[in-house]
C-alpha atoms as a PDB file:
ATOM      1  CA  UNK A   1     -26.914  13.598 -13.687  1.00  0.00           C
ATOM      2  CA  UNK A   2     -25.862  13.631 -10.029  1.00  0.00           C
ATOM      3  CA  UNK A   3     -29.050  15.416  -9.032  1.00  0.00           C
ATOM      4  CA  UNK A   4     -31.141  12.869 -10.911  1.00  0.00           C
ATOM      5  CA  UNK A   5     -29.385   9.942  -9.229  1.00  0.00           C
ATOM      6  CA  UNK A   6     -29.732  11.474  -5.755  1.00  0.00           C
ATOM      7  CA  UNK A   7     -33.420  12.175  -6.349  1.00  0.00           C
ATOM      8  CA  UNK A   8     -33.925   8.574  -7.524  1.00  0.00           C
ATOM      9  CA  UNK A   9     -32.094   7.221  -4.451  1.00  0.00           C
ATOM     10  CA  UNK A  10     -34.240   9.489  -2.234  1.00  0.00           C
ATOM     11  CA  UNK A  11     -37.395   8.095  -3.805  1.00  0.00           C
ATOM     12  CA  UNK A  12     -36.117   4.498  -3.554  1.00  0.00           C
ATOM     13  CA  UNK A  13     -35.365   4.869   0.173  1.00  0.00           C
ATOM     14  CA  UNK A  14     -38.839   6.189   0.871  1.00  0.00           C
ATOM     15  CA  UNK A  15     -37.748   9.738   1.666  1.00  0.00           C
ATOM     16  CA  UNK A  16     -35.092   8.763   4.232  1.00  0.00           C
ATOM     17  CA  UNK A  17     -32.476  11.518   4.056  1.00  0.00           C
ATOM     18  CA  UNK A  18     -29.754   9.627   5.964  1.00  0.00           C
ATOM     19  CA  UNK A  19     -30.147   6.536   3.812  1.00  0.00           C
ATOM     20  CA  UNK A  20     -29.881   8.759   0.747  1.00  0.00           C
ATOM     21  CA  UNK A  21     -26.749  10.718   1.664  1.00  0.00           C
ATOM     22  CA  UNK A  22     -25.123   8.214   4.053  1.00  0.00           C
ATOM     23  CA  UNK A  23     -22.269   6.002   3.051  1.00  0.00           C
ATOM     24  CA  UNK A  24     -22.877   2.362   2.261  1.00  0.00           C
ATOM     25  CA  UNK A  25     -21.144  -0.338   4.262  1.00  0.00           C
ATOM     26  CA  UNK A  26     -18.501  -2.291   2.423  1.00  0.00           C
ATOM     27  CA  UNK A  27     -19.525  -5.749   1.325  1.00  0.00           C
ATOM     28  CA  UNK A  28     -15.998  -7.080   1.827  1.00  0.00           C
ATOM     29  CA  UNK A  29     -13.247  -5.872   4.132  1.00  0.00           C
ATOM     30  CA  UNK A  30     -10.250  -4.219   2.475  1.00  0.00           C
ATOM     31  CA  UNK A  31      -7.266  -6.359   1.566  1.00  0.00           C
ATOM     32  CA  UNK A  32      -4.665  -6.471   4.316  1.00  0.00           C
ATOM     33  CA  UNK A  33      -1.294  -4.968   3.481  1.00  0.00           C
ATOM     34  CA  UNK A  34       1.561  -7.446   3.007  1.00  0.00           C
ATOM     35  CA  UNK A  35       3.853  -4.964   4.772  1.00  0.00           C
ATOM     36  CA  UNK A  36       3.914  -5.679   8.495  1.00  0.00           C
ATOM     37  CA  UNK A  37       6.294  -4.396  11.124  1.00  0.00           C
ATOM     38  CA  UNK A  38       8.528  -7.432  10.683  1.00  0.00           C
ATOM     39  CA  UNK A  39       8.620  -6.992   6.905  1.00  0.00           C
ATOM     40  CA  UNK A  40       9.513  -3.298   7.359  1.00  0.00           C
ATOM     41  CA  UNK A  41      12.332  -4.229   9.732  1.00  0.00           C
ATOM     42  CA  UNK A  42      13.756  -6.837   7.330  1.00  0.00           C
ATOM     43  CA  UNK A  43      13.487  -4.421   4.408  1.00  0.00           C
ATOM     44  CA  UNK A  44      15.285  -1.632   6.282  1.00  0.00           C
ATOM     45  CA  UNK A  45      17.941  -4.077   7.465  1.00  0.00           C
ATOM     46  CA  UNK A  46      18.500  -5.124   3.856  1.00  0.00           C
ATOM     47  CA  UNK A  47      18.694  -1.488   2.725  1.00  0.00           C
ATOM     48  CA  UNK A  48      21.207  -0.721   5.505  1.00  0.00           C
ATOM     49  CA  UNK A  49      23.474  -3.589   4.482  1.00  0.00           C
ATOM     50  CA  UNK A  50      26.260  -3.190   1.975  1.00  0.00           C
ATOM     51  CA  UNK A  51      25.208  -3.062  -1.661  1.00  0.00           C
ATOM     52  CA  UNK A  52      25.914  -6.220  -3.673  1.00  0.00           C
ATOM     53  CA  UNK A  53      29.114  -6.577  -5.639  1.00  0.00           C
ATOM     54  CA  UNK A  54      29.130  -4.471  -8.778  1.00  0.00           C
ATOM     55  CA  UNK A  55      26.843  -1.797  -7.332  1.00  0.00           C
ATOM     56  CA  UNK A  56      27.878   1.356  -5.506  1.00  0.00           C
ATOM     57  CA  UNK A  57      24.582   1.690  -3.615  1.00  0.00           C
ATOM     58  CA  UNK A  58      21.088   0.236  -3.335  1.00  0.00           C
ATOM     59  CA  UNK A  59      18.368   1.361  -5.712  1.00  0.00           C
ATOM     60  CA  UNK A  60      14.668   0.628  -5.347  1.00  0.00           C
ATOM     61  CA  UNK A  61      14.711  -1.777  -8.279  1.00  0.00           C
ATOM     62  CA  UNK A  62      17.790  -3.562  -6.912  1.00  0.00           C
ATOM     63  CA  UNK A  63      16.072  -3.896  -3.536  1.00  0.00           C
ATOM     64  CA  UNK A  64      13.009  -5.254  -5.347  1.00  0.00           C
ATOM     65  CA  UNK A  65      15.118  -7.995  -6.961  1.00  0.00           C
ATOM     66  CA  UNK A  66      16.715  -8.967  -3.644  1.00  0.00           C
ATOM     67  CA  UNK A  67      13.375  -8.961  -1.817  1.00  0.00           C
ATOM     68  CA  UNK A  68      12.022 -11.355  -4.463  1.00  0.00           C
ATOM     69  CA  UNK A  69      14.912 -13.709  -3.695  1.00  0.00           C
ATOM     70  CA  UNK A  70      14.367 -13.590   0.080  1.00  0.00           C
ATOM     71  CA  UNK A  71      12.014 -16.302   1.277  1.00  0.00           C
ATOM     72  CA  UNK A  72      10.835 -14.618   4.479  1.00  0.00           C
ATOM     73  CA  UNK A  73       9.796 -11.331   2.807  1.00  0.00           C
ATOM     74  CA  UNK A  74       6.745 -11.230   0.500  1.00  0.00           C
ATOM     75  CA  UNK A  75       7.327  -9.983  -3.037  1.00  0.00           C
ATOM     76  CA  UNK A  76       7.017  -6.200  -3.019  1.00  0.00           C
ATOM     77  CA  UNK A  77       6.957  -3.738  -5.891  1.00  0.00           C
ATOM     78  CA  UNK A  78       9.683  -1.066  -6.016  1.00  0.00           C
ATOM     79  CA  UNK A  79       7.069   1.632  -5.410  1.00  0.00           C
ATOM     80  CA  UNK A  80       5.885  -0.155  -2.250  1.00  0.00           C
ATOM     81  CA  UNK A  81       9.480  -0.433  -1.075  1.00  0.00           C
ATOM     82  CA  UNK A  82       9.930   3.289  -1.718  1.00  0.00           C
ATOM     83  CA  UNK A  83       6.808   4.117   0.321  1.00  0.00           C
ATOM     84  CA  UNK A  84       8.006   1.993   3.249  1.00  0.00           C
ATOM     85  CA  UNK A  85      11.420   3.655   3.229  1.00  0.00           C
ATOM     86  CA  UNK A  86       9.929   7.138   2.863  1.00  0.00           C
ATOM     87  CA  UNK A  87       7.557   6.475   5.758  1.00  0.00           C
ATOM     88  CA  UNK A  88      10.576   5.754   7.951  1.00  0.00           C
ATOM     89  CA  UNK A  89      12.561   8.740   6.587  1.00  0.00           C
ATOM     90  CA  UNK A  90      15.179   6.395   5.143  1.00  0.00           C
ATOM     91  CA  UNK A  91      17.124   7.728   2.181  1.00  0.00           C
ATOM     92  CA  UNK A  92      19.051   5.488  -0.187  1.00  0.00           C
ATOM     93  CA  UNK A  93      22.433   7.158  -0.470  1.00  0.00           C
END
């Protein structure tokens, strides 16, 4: 199937090899990440603070709930929060 599609593309481009095997330009630019340097700093500052009453330490899901309550930080998923913390070698202990 791949060979058939490549041969068809080769015929459609008039025998231009680079047009056949080259990558197409994106029609739209990729979506910008909501995580900026300032957001990372606020998130790490929150993770470094004392855990809320009733909790011994921060968890990713607990951080997610508190980030949703903060007005100056965009809503982030717990997996995104985990990636940001891992990128900065920050361990929740």
